[in-house]
Amino acid sequence: MIGRQFGFTLIELVIVIAIIGILSVVAIPKYIDLTSVAQSNATNAVAGALSSANASNYAARKLSSSFGAAVANCTAVSDALQGGLPTGYTITALTVAADATVTCTLTGPSSTTATFTATGVS
């Protein structure tokens, strides 16, 4: 008795390869779009953390000059952020007068930008 052979035919393999190709053509642009959205969201999150750190620093510094850090420009706000500014992010330098509030710009990965508020404190 001759045994029956099992396996995939060439046609079946070609169809599977074609389906995988079609799926990859659809998925790759979506993945690229998700990456840019994630980078933008990360930059917004860091900007929000900077705003919160600045508010906490301002309150602490007003209680006593031995607490917190002096803020005379936008880049000084990163001193109030626990762990400092993450790698790959930069803050546009802008002078902040004591007790004045300015809007600062944060630049993140792939040139994504976000704004945060900084209040000057001596």
C-alpha atoms as a PDB file:
ATOM      1  CA  MET A   1       0.000   0.000   0.000  1.00  0.00           C
ATOM      2  CA  ILE A   2       1.379   3.352  -0.999  1.00  0.00           C
ATOM      3  CA  GLY A   3       1.392   5.933   1.823  1.00  0.00           C
ATOM      4  CA  ARG A   4      -0.352   9.211   1.283  1.00  0.00           C
ATOM      5  CA  GLN A   5       1.926  12.275   1.417  1.00  0.00           C
ATOM      6  CA  PHE A   6       0.972  15.165   3.622  1.00  0.00           C
ATOM      7  CA  GLY A   7       2.079  18.777   3.316  1.00  0.00           C
ATOM      8  CA  PHE A   8       1.302  22.070   1.655  1.00  0.00           C
ATOM      9  CA  THR A   9       1.095  22.548  -2.056  1.00  0.00           C
ATOM     10  CA  LEU A  10       3.019  25.268  -3.831  1.00  0.00           C
ATOM     11  CA  ILE A  11      -0.219  27.170  -4.494  1.00  0.00           C
ATOM     12  CA  GLU A  12      -1.091  27.215  -0.799  1.00  0.00           C
ATOM     13  CA  LEU A  13       2.357  28.559   0.113  1.00  0.00           C
ATOM     14  CA  VAL A  14       2.168  31.310  -2.525  1.00  0.00           C
ATOM     15  CA  ILE A  15      -1.270  32.390  -1.247  1.00  0.00           C
ATOM     16  CA  VAL A  16       0.016  32.597   2.338  1.00  0.00           C
ATOM     17  CA  ILE A  17       3.040  34.662   1.240  1.00  0.00           C
ATOM     18  CA  ALA A  18       0.755  36.997  -0.717  1.00  0.00           C
ATOM     19  CA  ILE A  19      -1.530  37.475   2.296  1.00  0.00           C
ATOM     20  CA  ILE A  20       1.467  38.257   4.528  1.00  0.00           C
ATOM     21  CA  GLY A  21       2.688  40.782   1.950  1.00  0.00           C
ATOM     22  CA  ILE A  22      -0.694  42.536   1.821  1.00  0.00           C
ATOM     23  CA  LEU A  23      -0.894  42.696   5.617  1.00  0.00           C
ATOM     24  CA  SER A  24       2.600  44.187   5.879  1.00  0.00           C
ATOM     25  CA  VAL A  25       1.784  46.873   3.299  1.00  0.00           C
ATOM     26  CA  VAL A  26      -1.205  47.908   5.410  1.00  0.00           C
ATOM     27  CA  ALA A  27       0.498  47.581   8.822  1.00  0.00           C
ATOM     28  CA  ILE A  28       3.801  49.426   8.211  1.00  0.00           C
ATOM     29  CA  PRO A  29       2.283  52.877   7.520  1.00  0.00           C
ATOM     30  CA  LYS A  30       0.039  52.489  10.569  1.00  0.00           C
ATOM     31  CA  TYR A  31       3.068  51.621  12.715  1.00  0.00           C
ATOM     32  CA  ILE A  32       4.976  54.670  11.460  1.00  0.00           C
ATOM     33  CA  ASP A  33       1.999  56.893  12.264  1.00  0.00           C
ATOM     34  CA  LEU A  34       1.727  55.426  15.774  1.00  0.00           C
ATOM     35  CA  THR A  35       5.410  56.142  16.387  1.00  0.00           C
ATOM     36  CA  SER A  36       5.015  59.851  15.647  1.00  0.00           C
ATOM     37  CA  VAL A  37       1.895  60.046  17.827  1.00  0.00           C
ATOM     38  CA  ALA A  38       3.745  58.315  20.679  1.00  0.00           C
ATOM     39  CA  GLN A  39       6.674  60.740  20.406  1.00  0.00           C
ATOM     40  CA  SER A  40       4.314  63.713  20.470  1.00  0.00           C
ATOM     41  CA  ASN A  41       2.473  62.319  23.501  1.00  0.00           C
ATOM     42  CA  ALA A  42       5.770  61.699  25.298  1.00  0.00           C
ATOM     43  CA  THR A  43       6.845  65.299  24.689  1.00  0.00           C
ATOM     44  CA  ASN A  44       3.492  66.548  26.023  1.00  0.00           C
ATOM     45  CA  ALA A  45       3.902  64.339  29.108  1.00  0.00           C
ATOM     46  CA  VAL A  46       7.373  65.727  29.843  1.00  0.00           C
ATOM     47  CA  ALA A  47       6.042  69.281  29.388  1.00  0.00           C
ATOM     48  CA  GLY A  48       3.252  68.533  31.869  1.00  0.00           C
ATOM     49  CA  ALA A  49       5.780  67.148  34.341  1.00  0.00           C
ATOM     50  CA  LEU A  50       7.859  70.314  33.969  1.00  0.00           C
ATOM     51  CA  SER A  51       4.801  72.488  34.680  1.00  0.00           C
ATOM     52  CA  SER A  52       3.973  70.461  37.787  1.00  0.00           C
ATOM     53  CA  ALA A  53       7.573  70.472  38.992  1.00  0.00           C
ATOM     54  CA  ASN A  54       7.715  74.239  38.507  1.00  0.00           C
ATOM     55  CA  ALA A  55       4.534  74.781  40.532  1.00  0.00           C
ATOM     56  CA  SER A  56       5.811  72.598  43.396  1.00  0.00           C
ATOM     57  CA  ASN A  57       9.206  74.275  43.268  1.00  0.00           C
ATOM     58  CA  TYR A  58       7.630  77.742  43.333  1.00  0.00           C
ATOM     59  CA  ALA A  59       5.552  76.901  46.415  1.00  0.00           C
ATOM     60  CA  ALA A  60       8.515  75.343  48.239  1.00  0.00           C
ATOM     61  CA  ARG A  61      10.821  78.228  47.370  1.00  0.00           C
ATOM     62  CA  LYS A  62       8.269  80.769  48.635  1.00  0.00           C
ATOM     63  CA  LEU A  63       8.206  78.977  52.007  1.00  0.00           C
ATOM     64  CA  SER A  64      11.983  79.149  52.385  1.00  0.00           C
ATOM     65  CA  SER A  65      14.876  79.991  50.087  1.00  0.00           C
ATOM     66  CA  SER A  66      16.613  76.830  51.317  1.00  0.00           C
ATOM     67  CA  PHE A  67      13.976  74.698  49.550  1.00  0.00           C
ATOM     68  CA  GLY A  68      13.747  74.111  45.816  1.00  0.00           C
ATOM     69  CA  ALA A  69      15.770  75.834  43.118  1.00  0.00           C
ATOM     70  CA  ALA A  70      15.848  79.393  41.845  1.00  0.00           C
ATOM     71  CA  VAL A  71      14.190  79.812  38.449  1.00  0.00           C
ATOM     72  CA  ALA A  72      15.395  82.731  36.332  1.00  0.00           C
ATOM     73  CA  ASN A  73      14.919  81.126  32.901  1.00  0.00           C
ATOM     74  CA  CYS A  74      13.012  78.272  31.296  1.00  0.00           C
ATOM     75  CA  THR A  75      15.935  75.863  31.352  1.00  0.00           C
ATOM     76  CA  ALA A  76      16.231  76.191  35.147  1.00  0.00           C
ATOM     77  CA  VAL A  77      12.842  74.502  35.528  1.00  0.00           C
ATOM     78  CA  SER A  78      14.499  71.174  34.681  1.00  0.00           C
ATOM     79  CA  ASP A  79      16.427  71.477  37.985  1.00  0.00           C
ATOM     80  CA  ALA A  80      13.097  71.111  39.794  1.00  0.00           C
ATOM     81  CA  LEU A  81      12.229  67.952  37.856  1.00  0.00           C
ATOM     82  CA  GLN A  82      13.185  64.807  39.750  1.00  0.00           C
ATOM     83  CA  GLY A  83      15.863  63.053  37.708  1.00  0.00           C
ATOM     84  CA  GLY A  84      16.316  66.118  35.513  1.00  0.00           C
ATOM     85  CA  LEU A  85      15.321  66.534  31.900  1.00  0.00           C
ATOM     86  CA  PRO A  86      15.223  63.216  29.984  1.00  0.00           C
ATOM     87  CA  THR A  87      17.831  62.601  27.310  1.00  0.00           C
ATOM     88  CA  GLY A  88      16.812  63.883  23.884  1.00  0.00           C
ATOM     89  CA  TYR A  89      14.759  66.833  25.148  1.00  0.00           C
ATOM     90  CA  THR A  90      15.760  70.506  25.063  1.00  0.00           C
ATOM     91  CA  ILE A  91      14.185  73.636  26.467  1.00  0.00           C
ATOM     92  CA  THR A  92      14.315  76.934  24.618  1.00  0.00           C
ATOM     93  CA  ALA A  93      16.006  79.432  26.929  1.00  0.00           C
ATOM     94  CA  LEU A  94      13.766  82.340  27.886  1.00  0.00           C
ATOM     95  CA  THR A  95      14.275  84.724  30.805  1.00  0.00           C
ATOM     96  CA  VAL A  96      11.693  84.612  33.601  1.00  0.00           C
ATOM     97  CA  ALA A  97      11.427  87.505  36.041  1.00  0.00           C
ATOM     98  CA  ALA A  98      10.685  86.748  39.679  1.00  0.00           C
ATOM     99  CA  ASP A  99       6.967  86.070  40.233  1.00  0.00           C
ATOM    100  CA  ALA A 100       6.299  86.358  36.475  1.00  0.00           C
ATOM    101  CA  THR A 101       4.916  83.521  34.390  1.00  0.00           C
ATOM    102  CA  VAL A 102       6.051  82.761  30.830  1.00  0.00           C
ATOM    103  CA  THR A 103       5.294  80.040  28.308  1.00  0.00           C
ATOM    104  CA  CYS A 104       8.354  77.944  27.485  1.00  0.00           C
ATOM    105  CA  THR A 105       8.916  75.560  24.575  1.00  0.00           C
ATOM    106  CA  LEU A 106      10.133  71.990  24.993  1.00  0.00           C
ATOM    107  CA  THR A 107      11.533  70.133  21.973  1.00  0.00           C
ATOM    108  CA  GLY A 108      11.522  66.343  22.048  1.00  0.00           C
ATOM    109  CA  PRO A 109      12.311  63.399  19.773  1.00  0.00           C
ATOM    110  CA  SER A 110      11.794  63.956  16.035  1.00  0.00           C
ATOM    111  CA  SER A 111      11.436  67.706  16.673  1.00  0.00           C
ATOM    112  CA  THR A 112       8.108  67.323  18.459  1.00  0.00           C
ATOM    113  CA  THR A 113       7.285  70.392  20.536  1.00  0.00           C
ATOM    114  CA  ALA A 114       5.130  71.192  23.533  1.00  0.00           C
ATOM    115  CA  THR A 115       4.753  74.172  25.817  1.00  0.00           C
ATOM    116  CA  PHE A 116       4.798  74.492  29.572  1.00  0.00           C
ATOM    117  CA  THR A 117       4.537  77.374  32.006  1.00  0.00           C
ATOM    118  CA  ALA A 118       7.403  78.580  34.148  1.00  0.00           C
ATOM    119  CA  THR A 119       7.087  80.968  37.066  1.00  0.00           C
ATOM    120  CA  GLY A 120      10.232  82.790  38.124  1.00  0.00           C
ATOM    121  CA  VAL A 121      11.358  82.552  41.717  1.00  0.00           C
ATOM    122  CA  SER A 122      14.554  83.773  43.343  1.00  0.00           C
END
